[in-house]
Amino acid sequence: MSEEATVIESSVPQQRLVVTEIPGPRSREIHERRRAVVPPGVHSVLPVYIERSHDSILVDVDGNHLVDVCGGIGVTTIGHTDGAVVAAAAEQLNKVTHTLFTMTPYEPYVQVAEHLAKHVPGSTPENPYKTLLMNSGAEAVENGVKIARKHTGRPGVAVLEHAYHGRTMLTSSMNHKAAPYALGYGPRAGDIYKAPNSYPLHDGLSGAEAAARTIAHLEKVAGADDLACLVVEPIQGEGGFIVPADGYLPALAEWCRANGIVFIADEVQSGMARTGTVFSIEQFGVEPDIVLSAKGIAGGLPLAGITGRAEIMDGSQPGGLGGTFGGNPVSCAAAVAVFEQIERENLLGEAKRIEASFTAGLNRLAEKYDSIAEVRGRGAMLAIEVVKPGTLEPDSKLVAQVIDFAASQGVVLLSTGIHNQGIRFLPSLKMSDELIDDVIGVLDEAFAAA
């Protein structure tokens, strides 16, 4: 580990500490400067300005130590300023910062593709999946759809209710929720078909029943012969951290294979060890045709992967895929360090530890407060759904009150769900059981005070 990384690690104790009101005076000052030069469309959930960070703690410009339970919405899975990631990126910065891989390539890009070929379900040493690297989750989705259309010669794109795939023209058109992601930015992309998904808390259907409903809808409104791909978040993110019923995803994958439809697993938020397996789709017994990764793949640096079967990925002509910064060497070096850390630090086991600890605490709260209808998720991707007691009617007002109270106490949380009816938990895999207990205690106070 580099000397700089050691200093970062030792200077940020993993404890919550509130020394001013939140936001503090320095954050408020910077926020006023921001309002003059940054448009309001670039909204911040919590206008607290961060000066440094490590593992699960954010230190703001006023000296408050905040427990980060959002992780940049699933980006800092390995923890903020992980020593190995910082060292790998720093070393690469002193070698090559950019050449453009499609002009004069470099080894770190190949190394990331090798790691993905090793870990994506369905890929084998004899027939490894191939990877295109880009910059963001939305770019991963765009290119996954593009590659599927090229492979099949079909235009149609199927997605599920409650889905979130990005903010570009195509991906915002694929989202279930138009506001705020597509509102007023039309026209939206065509040939997109939205189908019911599996939502066990609300539909009460088995996986087989929910899949039959999804398939019947798509066959009626789109026609299987016109679909290039079905894009699925194995565990939906913005939609509410919805875990589908057993058997749902395998039935959809089987239908896709029978009809020549490319099955794309959007693992942008759920991938990279967060759920206790490298990719969450492994837990559902499905081998996707294409897997999309981003967010946590490079430990906080921008990188995304589109990894798929060779016969699909090889269908694009030379020059048809790529981008100026796609697979930047510094981001790639960081991603290699992340993959190495997953194995060396047993981060899959840590995700399961966090699931056990966090779920136990959340279940205690659910027993105490009847406004918590369900605790769900896998690994370090968990959520509670908040309702008006005695109903399944969403209570977004209570969610906002709980999140605001937690923020005032130095715990950073984020809502989820179409109606903002859930609170999501995306902790770093380095979060200790002591910090988890602290978060649960603050949540308890928040629900009691609401």
Protein backbone atom coordinates (compact mmCIF):
# COMPACT_ATOMS: atom_id res chain seq x y z
CA MET A 1 0.00 0.00 0.00
CA SER A 2 1.28 3.47 -0.84
CA GLU A 3 2.22 5.99 1.88
CA GLU A 4 -0.60 8.29 0.68
CA ALA A 5 -3.19 5.51 0.97
CA THR A 6 -1.95 4.70 4.48
CA VAL A 7 -2.37 8.34 5.53
CA ILE A 8 -5.92 8.43 4.14
CA GLU A 9 -6.84 5.24 5.95
CA SER A 10 -5.43 6.28 9.33
CA SER A 11 -6.91 9.79 9.22
CA VAL A 12 -10.56 8.74 8.88
CA PRO A 13 -11.72 6.77 11.93
CA GLN A 14 -14.74 4.58 11.19
CA GLN A 15 -17.09 6.31 13.59
CA ARG A 16 -19.99 8.73 13.22
CA LEU A 17 -19.23 12.21 14.54
CA VAL A 18 -21.51 15.26 14.28
CA VAL A 19 -19.85 18.55 15.23
CA THR A 20 -22.13 21.08 13.49
CA GLU A 21 -25.67 21.15 12.23
CA ILE A 22 -25.97 19.35 8.89
CA PRO A 23 -25.45 20.95 6.42
CA GLY A 24 -22.85 22.98 8.28
CA PRO A 25 -21.85 26.61 7.65
CA ARG A 26 -19.03 25.80 5.24
CA SER A 27 -21.26 23.46 3.21
CA ARG A 28 -23.96 26.13 3.06
CA GLU A 29 -21.41 28.66 1.86
CA ILE A 30 -20.20 26.40 -0.95
CA HIS A 31 -23.79 25.57 -1.85
CA GLU A 32 -24.56 29.25 -2.40
CA ARG A 33 -21.56 29.48 -4.75
CA ARG A 34 -22.79 26.36 -6.53
CA ARG A 35 -26.24 27.84 -7.13
CA ALA A 36 -24.67 30.58 -9.23
CA VAL A 37 -22.79 28.25 -11.59
CA VAL A 38 -24.47 24.80 -11.54
CA PRO A 39 -28.01 24.28 -12.92
CA PRO A 40 -30.72 22.99 -10.55
CA GLY A 41 -31.24 19.94 -12.76
CA VAL A 42 -27.99 18.64 -11.26
CA HIS A 43 -29.70 18.03 -7.94
CA SER A 44 -27.99 16.83 -4.77
CA VAL A 45 -30.05 14.79 -2.31
CA LEU A 46 -27.98 16.08 0.61
CA PRO A 47 -26.08 19.36 -0.03
CA VAL A 48 -23.20 18.46 2.27
CA TYR A 49 -19.82 18.99 0.64
CA ILE A 50 -17.34 16.17 1.14
CA GLU A 51 -13.65 16.86 1.71
CA ARG A 52 -12.30 13.33 2.22
CA SER A 53 -13.48 9.79 2.81
CA HIS A 54 -12.43 6.25 3.61
CA ASP A 55 -14.26 2.93 3.74
CA SER A 56 -17.73 3.83 5.14
CA ILE A 57 -17.12 7.36 6.41
CA LEU A 58 -17.48 10.69 4.61
CA VAL A 59 -15.85 13.75 6.16
CA ASP A 60 -17.47 17.01 5.13
CA VAL A 61 -15.93 20.46 4.93
CA ASP A 62 -17.26 21.27 8.41
CA GLY A 63 -15.57 18.27 10.00
CA ASN A 64 -18.65 16.05 10.37
CA HIS A 65 -18.03 12.32 9.97
CA LEU A 66 -21.02 10.83 8.15
CA VAL A 67 -21.84 7.13 7.80
CA ASP A 68 -22.31 6.52 4.08
CA VAL A 69 -25.03 3.94 3.48
CA CYS A 70 -25.43 4.92 -0.19
CA GLY A 71 -21.90 4.42 -1.53
CA GLY A 72 -22.41 6.84 -4.41
CA ILE A 73 -25.48 4.71 -5.24
CA GLY A 74 -23.53 1.47 -5.21
CA VAL A 75 -20.21 2.71 -6.60
CA THR A 76 -17.88 2.46 -3.61
CA THR A 77 -18.71 -1.17 -2.91
CA ILE A 78 -15.10 -1.85 -1.98
CA GLY A 79 -15.06 1.20 0.27
CA HIS A 80 -14.02 4.80 -0.23
CA THR A 81 -10.32 5.34 -1.08
CA ASP A 82 -9.47 1.66 -0.81
CA GLY A 83 -5.68 1.47 -0.43
CA ALA A 84 -5.13 -1.07 -3.21
CA VAL A 85 -7.34 0.85 -5.65
CA VAL A 86 -5.66 4.18 -4.85
CA ALA A 87 -2.20 2.66 -5.25
CA ALA A 88 -3.07 0.97 -8.56
CA ALA A 89 -4.59 4.14 -10.00
CA ALA A 90 -1.66 6.28 -8.81
CA GLU A 91 0.86 3.90 -10.36
CA GLN A 92 -1.02 3.93 -13.67
CA LEU A 93 -1.26 7.74 -13.60
CA ASN A 94 2.51 7.85 -13.71
CA LYS A 95 2.62 5.52 -16.72
CA VAL A 96 -0.17 6.24 -19.21
CA THR A 97 -3.30 8.33 -18.64
CA HIS A 98 -4.80 8.02 -22.15
CA THR A 99 -4.01 6.82 -25.63
CA LEU A 100 -7.48 5.66 -26.80
CA PHE A 101 -7.70 1.88 -26.82
CA THR A 102 -9.01 1.82 -30.39
CA MET A 103 -5.85 3.67 -31.52
CA THR A 104 -2.94 2.29 -29.51
CA PRO A 105 -4.10 -0.20 -26.87
CA TYR A 106 -2.74 -1.11 -23.44
CA GLU A 107 -2.76 -4.17 -21.18
CA PRO A 108 -5.05 -3.04 -18.30
CA TYR A 109 -8.06 -3.06 -20.67
CA VAL A 110 -7.29 -6.67 -21.57
CA GLN A 111 -6.82 -7.57 -17.90
CA VAL A 112 -10.28 -6.23 -17.00
CA ALA A 113 -11.82 -8.19 -19.88
CA GLU A 114 -10.04 -11.31 -18.61
CA HIS A 115 -11.41 -10.81 -15.10
CA LEU A 116 -14.94 -10.36 -16.45
CA ALA A 117 -14.59 -13.47 -18.62
CA LYS A 118 -13.60 -15.36 -15.48
CA HIS A 119 -16.54 -14.21 -13.39
CA VAL A 120 -19.55 -13.71 -15.67
CA PRO A 121 -21.87 -16.75 -15.42
CA GLY A 122 -21.90 -18.74 -18.65
CA SER A 123 -18.37 -17.82 -19.64
CA THR A 124 -15.90 -20.72 -19.68
CA PRO A 125 -12.12 -20.94 -20.28
CA GLU A 126 -12.88 -22.79 -23.51
CA ASN A 127 -15.50 -20.27 -24.66
CA PRO A 128 -14.91 -17.02 -22.78
CA TYR A 129 -17.29 -14.11 -23.03
CA LYS A 130 -15.85 -10.97 -24.63
CA THR A 131 -15.97 -7.42 -23.27
CA LEU A 132 -16.34 -3.87 -24.53
CA LEU A 133 -15.42 -1.24 -21.94
CA MET A 134 -17.14 2.14 -21.70
CA ASN A 135 -17.57 4.84 -19.04
CA SER A 136 -20.97 4.58 -17.34
CA GLY A 137 -23.97 2.39 -16.68
CA ALA A 138 -26.09 4.21 -19.24
CA GLU A 139 -23.39 3.68 -21.87
CA ALA A 140 -23.30 0.00 -20.95
CA VAL A 141 -27.05 -0.28 -21.53
CA GLU A 142 -26.88 1.68 -24.79
CA ASN A 143 -24.15 -0.57 -26.14
CA GLY A 144 -25.79 -3.76 -24.90
CA VAL A 145 -28.94 -2.87 -26.84
CA LYS A 146 -26.89 -1.81 -29.86
CA ILE A 147 -24.98 -5.10 -29.93
CA ALA A 148 -28.18 -7.14 -29.47
CA ARG A 149 -29.84 -5.31 -32.36
CA LYS A 150 -26.84 -5.91 -34.58
CA HIS A 151 -26.76 -9.61 -33.68
CA THR A 152 -30.48 -10.26 -34.20
CA GLY A 153 -31.33 -7.75 -36.91
CA ARG A 154 -34.39 -6.82 -34.86
CA PRO A 155 -35.40 -3.42 -33.41
CA GLY A 156 -37.48 -4.23 -30.33
CA VAL A 157 -36.29 -3.73 -26.75
CA ALA A 158 -38.24 -5.24 -23.86
CA VAL A 159 -37.91 -3.96 -20.28
CA LEU A 160 -39.79 -4.53 -17.03
CA GLU A 161 -42.01 -2.36 -14.89
CA HIS A 162 -40.15 -0.40 -12.20
CA ALA A 163 -36.94 -0.58 -14.26
CA TYR A 164 -34.25 2.08 -14.25
CA HIS A 165 -31.51 2.03 -16.90
CA GLY A 166 -30.10 5.57 -17.18
CA ARG A 167 -30.55 9.17 -18.31
CA THR A 168 -29.56 9.10 -21.99
CA MET A 169 -32.26 9.31 -24.65
CA LEU A 170 -32.53 5.53 -25.06
CA THR A 171 -32.10 4.58 -21.42
CA SER A 172 -34.47 7.24 -20.07
CA SER A 173 -37.03 5.93 -22.55
CA MET A 174 -36.48 2.45 -21.12
CA ASN A 175 -37.12 3.59 -17.53
CA HIS A 176 -40.46 2.93 -15.90
CA LYS A 177 -40.53 6.36 -14.26
CA ALA A 178 -40.43 9.26 -16.71
CA ALA A 179 -40.25 12.02 -14.12
CA PRO A 180 -37.68 13.38 -13.62
CA TYR A 181 -35.47 11.38 -15.99
CA ALA A 182 -37.30 11.96 -19.29
CA LEU A 183 -39.85 14.65 -18.49
CA GLY A 184 -39.62 17.45 -21.04
CA TYR A 185 -36.63 15.94 -22.86
CA GLY A 186 -38.56 14.29 -25.70
CA PRO A 187 -38.93 12.82 -28.16
CA ARG A 188 -38.27 9.47 -26.53
CA ALA A 189 -36.83 6.45 -28.27
CA GLY A 190 -39.19 4.02 -29.98
CA ASP A 191 -39.45 0.23 -30.21
CA ILE A 192 -39.41 -0.12 -26.41
CA TYR A 193 -41.93 -2.41 -24.76
CA LYS A 194 -42.60 -2.41 -21.01
CA ALA A 195 -43.97 -5.52 -19.35
CA PRO A 196 -45.15 -6.44 -15.84
CA ASN A 197 -42.42 -7.79 -13.59
CA SER A 198 -42.38 -9.96 -10.49
CA TYR A 199 -43.10 -7.98 -7.31
CA PRO A 200 -43.94 -10.61 -4.67
CA LEU A 201 -45.08 -8.18 -1.95
CA HIS A 202 -47.71 -6.66 -4.23
CA ASP A 203 -48.68 -9.25 -6.85
CA GLY A 204 -48.63 -12.43 -4.73
CA LEU A 205 -47.63 -14.46 -7.78
CA SER A 206 -45.21 -17.36 -7.97
CA GLY A 207 -42.22 -17.01 -10.25
CA ALA A 208 -43.87 -19.19 -12.88
CA GLU A 209 -47.11 -17.21 -12.74
CA ALA A 210 -45.34 -13.85 -12.94
CA ALA A 211 -43.18 -15.04 -15.86
CA ALA A 212 -46.25 -16.28 -17.74
CA ARG A 213 -47.82 -12.85 -17.29
CA THR A 214 -44.68 -11.06 -18.52
CA ILE A 215 -44.29 -13.33 -21.53
CA ALA A 216 -47.96 -13.13 -22.52
CA HIS A 217 -47.80 -9.34 -22.39
CA LEU A 218 -44.67 -9.14 -24.55
CA GLU A 219 -45.96 -11.63 -27.09
CA LYS A 220 -49.11 -9.55 -27.44
CA VAL A 221 -47.76 -5.99 -27.47
CA ALA A 222 -44.39 -6.57 -29.15
CA GLY A 223 -44.23 -9.99 -30.75
CA ALA A 224 -41.31 -12.24 -29.91
CA ASP A 225 -40.04 -12.20 -33.51
CA ASP A 226 -39.56 -8.44 -33.34
CA LEU A 227 -37.57 -8.32 -30.08
CA ALA A 228 -33.80 -7.95 -30.13
CA CYS A 229 -33.39 -8.16 -26.36
CA LEU A 230 -34.95 -8.29 -22.94
CA VAL A 231 -33.06 -6.08 -20.48
CA VAL A 232 -33.53 -7.14 -16.85
CA GLU A 233 -32.15 -5.93 -13.53
CA PRO A 234 -31.92 -9.21 -11.57
CA ILE A 235 -32.59 -7.15 -8.44
CA GLN A 236 -34.17 -3.86 -9.41
CA GLY A 237 -32.40 -0.76 -8.13
CA GLU A 238 -34.29 2.52 -8.45
CA GLY A 239 -37.50 0.50 -8.76
CA GLY A 240 -37.36 -0.52 -5.12
CA PHE A 241 -34.70 -3.22 -4.68
CA ILE A 242 -37.29 -5.73 -5.82
CA VAL A 243 -36.17 -9.37 -5.66
CA PRO A 244 -38.24 -11.47 -8.09
CA ALA A 245 -40.00 -14.65 -7.04
CA ASP A 246 -38.10 -17.92 -7.42
CA GLY A 247 -38.21 -19.24 -10.98
CA TYR A 248 -39.16 -15.93 -12.58
CA LEU A 249 -35.85 -15.05 -14.23
CA PRO A 250 -35.04 -18.62 -15.42
CA ALA A 251 -38.44 -18.78 -17.14
CA LEU A 252 -37.80 -15.47 -18.90
CA ALA A 253 -34.31 -16.59 -19.96
CA GLU A 254 -35.69 -19.86 -21.34
CA TRP A 255 -38.32 -17.97 -23.34
CA CYS A 256 -35.67 -15.63 -24.72
CA ARG A 257 -33.46 -18.52 -25.85
CA ALA A 258 -36.39 -20.28 -27.52
CA ASN A 259 -37.22 -17.13 -29.48
CA GLY A 260 -33.75 -15.84 -30.37
CA ILE A 261 -34.03 -12.87 -28.00
CA VAL A 262 -30.82 -11.69 -26.30
CA PHE A 263 -31.20 -11.85 -22.51
CA ILE A 264 -29.31 -8.91 -20.99
CA ALA A 265 -28.66 -8.75 -17.25
CA ASP A 266 -28.27 -5.12 -16.16
CA GLU A 267 -25.93 -5.58 -13.17
CA VAL A 268 -24.90 -1.94 -12.99
CA GLN A 269 -26.14 -1.57 -9.40
CA SER A 270 -26.33 -5.20 -8.26
CA GLY A 271 -23.03 -6.48 -9.62
CA MET A 272 -19.41 -6.55 -8.46
CA ALA A 273 -19.79 -8.62 -5.26
CA ARG A 274 -22.50 -6.43 -3.75
CA THR A 275 -25.09 -9.19 -3.31
CA GLY A 276 -22.75 -11.97 -2.14
CA THR A 277 -21.86 -13.26 -5.60
CA VAL A 278 -19.81 -11.37 -8.16
CA PHE A 279 -22.99 -10.91 -10.20
CA SER A 280 -26.44 -11.26 -8.63
CA ILE A 281 -27.82 -13.20 -11.62
CA GLU A 282 -25.76 -16.18 -10.40
CA GLN A 283 -28.17 -16.54 -7.47
CA PHE A 284 -31.07 -17.09 -9.86
CA GLY A 285 -29.47 -19.87 -11.90
CA VAL A 286 -29.36 -17.90 -15.16
CA GLU A 287 -26.52 -17.56 -17.68
CA PRO A 288 -27.23 -14.29 -19.52
CA ASP A 289 -26.24 -13.64 -23.11
CA ILE A 290 -24.88 -10.23 -22.08
CA VAL A 291 -24.01 -8.86 -18.63
CA LEU A 292 -23.69 -5.11 -18.00
CA SER A 293 -21.42 -3.83 -15.23
CA ALA A 294 -20.47 -0.35 -14.00
CA LYS A 295 -20.71 1.55 -10.69
CA GLY A 296 -18.59 -0.62 -8.33
CA ILE A 297 -16.31 -2.08 -10.99
CA ALA A 298 -13.48 0.45 -10.60
CA GLY A 299 -13.77 1.49 -6.95
CA GLY A 300 -15.01 5.01 -7.66
CA LEU A 301 -13.47 5.68 -11.07
CA PRO A 302 -15.64 5.78 -14.22
CA LEU A 303 -15.77 2.45 -16.05
CA ALA A 304 -18.42 0.13 -17.48
CA GLY A 305 -18.38 -3.27 -19.10
CA ILE A 306 -20.54 -4.97 -21.72
CA THR A 307 -19.65 -8.66 -21.53
CA GLY A 308 -21.32 -11.24 -23.74
CA ARG A 309 -21.21 -14.45 -25.68
CA ALA A 310 -18.52 -14.36 -28.35
CA GLU A 311 -20.96 -15.04 -31.20
CA ILE A 312 -22.96 -11.97 -30.14
CA MET A 313 -20.05 -9.65 -29.37
CA ASP A 314 -18.19 -10.59 -32.56
CA GLY A 315 -21.07 -9.47 -34.78
CA SER A 316 -20.06 -5.80 -34.84
CA GLN A 317 -17.74 -4.59 -37.59
CA PRO A 318 -14.35 -3.01 -36.70
CA GLY A 319 -14.93 0.58 -35.63
CA GLY A 320 -18.57 -0.05 -34.76
CA LEU A 321 -17.88 -0.17 -31.01
CA GLY A 322 -15.85 2.07 -28.73
CA GLY A 323 -15.51 5.62 -27.49
CA THR A 324 -12.80 8.13 -26.73
CA PHE A 325 -12.53 7.44 -23.01
CA GLY A 326 -14.01 3.94 -22.93
CA GLY A 327 -11.71 1.69 -20.91
CA ASN A 328 -9.43 4.48 -19.71
CA PRO A 329 -6.15 2.93 -18.46
CA VAL A 330 -6.35 4.52 -14.98
CA SER A 331 -9.89 3.25 -14.46
CA CYS A 332 -8.87 -0.16 -15.78
CA ALA A 333 -5.95 -0.37 -13.35
CA ALA A 334 -8.34 0.45 -10.51
CA ALA A 335 -10.77 -2.23 -11.72
CA VAL A 336 -8.05 -4.87 -11.74
CA ALA A 337 -7.33 -3.97 -8.11
CA VAL A 338 -11.05 -4.30 -7.29
CA PHE A 339 -11.21 -7.80 -8.78
CA GLU A 340 -8.08 -8.79 -6.88
CA GLN A 341 -9.54 -7.40 -3.65
CA ILE A 342 -12.77 -9.37 -4.12
CA GLU A 343 -10.77 -12.57 -3.99
CA ARG A 344 -8.03 -11.58 -1.54
CA GLU A 345 -10.30 -9.92 1.05
CA ASN A 346 -13.18 -12.43 0.76
CA LEU A 347 -15.58 -9.64 -0.12
CA LEU A 348 -18.29 -12.11 -1.13
CA GLY A 349 -18.22 -13.38 2.44
CA GLU A 350 -18.28 -9.81 3.73
CA ALA A 351 -21.42 -9.10 1.69
CA LYS A 352 -23.10 -12.07 3.33
CA ARG A 353 -21.96 -10.88 6.77
CA ILE A 354 -23.47 -7.47 6.11
CA GLU A 355 -26.70 -9.05 4.91
CA ALA A 356 -27.00 -11.08 8.11
CA SER A 357 -26.18 -8.15 10.40
CA PHE A 358 -28.20 -5.49 8.61
CA THR A 359 -31.21 -7.72 8.00
CA ALA A 360 -31.35 -8.72 11.65
CA GLY A 361 -31.44 -5.07 12.69
CA LEU A 362 -34.00 -4.10 10.05
CA ASN A 363 -36.23 -7.02 11.02
CA ARG A 364 -36.15 -5.81 14.61
CA LEU A 365 -37.37 -2.42 13.39
CA ALA A 366 -40.07 -4.08 11.27
CA GLU A 367 -41.36 -5.88 14.35
CA LYS A 368 -41.46 -2.58 16.24
CA TYR A 369 -42.93 -0.31 13.54
CA ASP A 370 -45.89 -1.53 11.48
CA SER A 371 -45.11 1.08 8.83
CA ILE A 372 -42.32 -1.23 7.61
CA ALA A 373 -44.08 -3.70 5.30
CA GLU A 374 -41.06 -5.68 4.15
CA VAL A 375 -37.31 -6.09 4.54
CA ARG A 376 -35.77 -7.41 1.33
CA GLY A 377 -32.63 -7.69 -0.76
CA ARG A 378 -29.41 -9.67 -0.95
CA GLY A 379 -25.97 -9.06 0.48
CA ALA A 380 -25.21 -5.36 0.83
CA MET A 381 -28.17 -4.40 -1.37
CA LEU A 382 -31.08 -4.17 1.04
CA ALA A 383 -34.24 -2.12 1.43
CA ILE A 384 -37.31 -1.61 3.55
CA GLU A 385 -40.70 -0.73 2.06
CA VAL A 386 -42.58 1.87 4.08
CA VAL A 387 -46.38 1.95 3.99
CA LYS A 388 -49.36 3.41 5.79
CA PRO A 389 -50.07 0.92 8.58
CA GLY A 390 -52.63 -1.75 7.75
CA THR A 391 -52.25 -1.19 4.00
CA LEU A 392 -49.72 -1.52 1.21
CA GLU A 393 -50.19 2.13 0.31
CA PRO A 394 -46.80 3.82 -0.01
CA ASP A 395 -45.84 6.40 2.58
CA SER A 396 -43.26 8.57 0.84
CA LYS A 397 -43.75 11.34 3.40
CA LEU A 398 -42.59 9.09 6.22
CA VAL A 399 -39.64 7.92 4.11
CA ALA A 400 -38.57 11.54 3.61
CA GLN A 401 -38.92 12.27 7.33
CA VAL A 402 -36.78 9.27 8.27
CA ILE A 403 -34.09 10.11 5.73
CA ASP A 404 -33.99 13.78 6.81
CA PHE A 405 -33.74 12.83 10.49
CA ALA A 406 -30.94 10.34 9.75
CA ALA A 407 -29.04 12.99 7.78
CA SER A 408 -29.26 15.40 10.73
CA GLN A 409 -27.63 12.69 12.84
CA GLY A 410 -24.85 11.96 10.34
CA VAL A 411 -26.27 8.95 8.47
CA VAL A 412 -26.59 9.27 4.68
CA LEU A 413 -29.58 7.37 3.26
CA LEU A 414 -31.51 7.38 -0.01
CA SER A 415 -35.06 6.50 -1.00
CA THR A 416 -36.02 3.99 -3.67
CA GLY A 417 -39.15 2.83 -5.49
CA ILE A 418 -41.53 4.29 -8.03
CA HIS A 419 -43.32 6.20 -5.26
CA ASN A 420 -40.19 6.74 -3.13
CA GLN A 421 -41.75 4.27 -0.73
CA GLY A 422 -38.55 2.49 0.20
CA ILE A 423 -35.27 3.22 1.94
CA ARG A 424 -32.26 1.56 0.35
CA PHE A 425 -29.06 0.41 2.00
CA LEU A 426 -25.92 0.19 -0.15
CA PRO A 427 -23.10 0.06 2.41
CA SER A 428 -19.49 -0.55 1.58
CA LEU A 429 -18.40 -4.15 2.06
CA LYS A 430 -15.98 -2.75 4.64
CA MET A 431 -18.77 -1.52 6.95
CA SER A 432 -18.33 -3.00 10.42
CA ASP A 433 -21.09 -4.60 12.47
CA GLU A 434 -20.61 -1.76 14.98
CA LEU A 435 -21.39 0.86 12.33
CA ILE A 436 -24.38 -1.17 11.15
CA ASP A 437 -25.72 -1.24 14.70
CA ASP A 438 -25.21 2.51 14.90
CA VAL A 439 -27.21 3.02 11.69
CA ILE A 440 -30.01 0.81 13.00
CA GLY A 441 -30.07 2.86 16.21
CA VAL A 442 -30.44 6.11 14.25
CA LEU A 443 -33.22 4.56 12.15
CA ASP A 444 -35.00 3.51 15.33
CA GLU A 445 -34.84 7.10 16.60
CA ALA A 446 -36.03 8.38 13.21
CA PHE A 447 -39.13 6.17 13.09
CA ALA A 448 -39.91 6.96 16.72
CA ALA A 449 -39.66 10.69 16.06
CA ALA A 450 -41.75 10.66 12.86
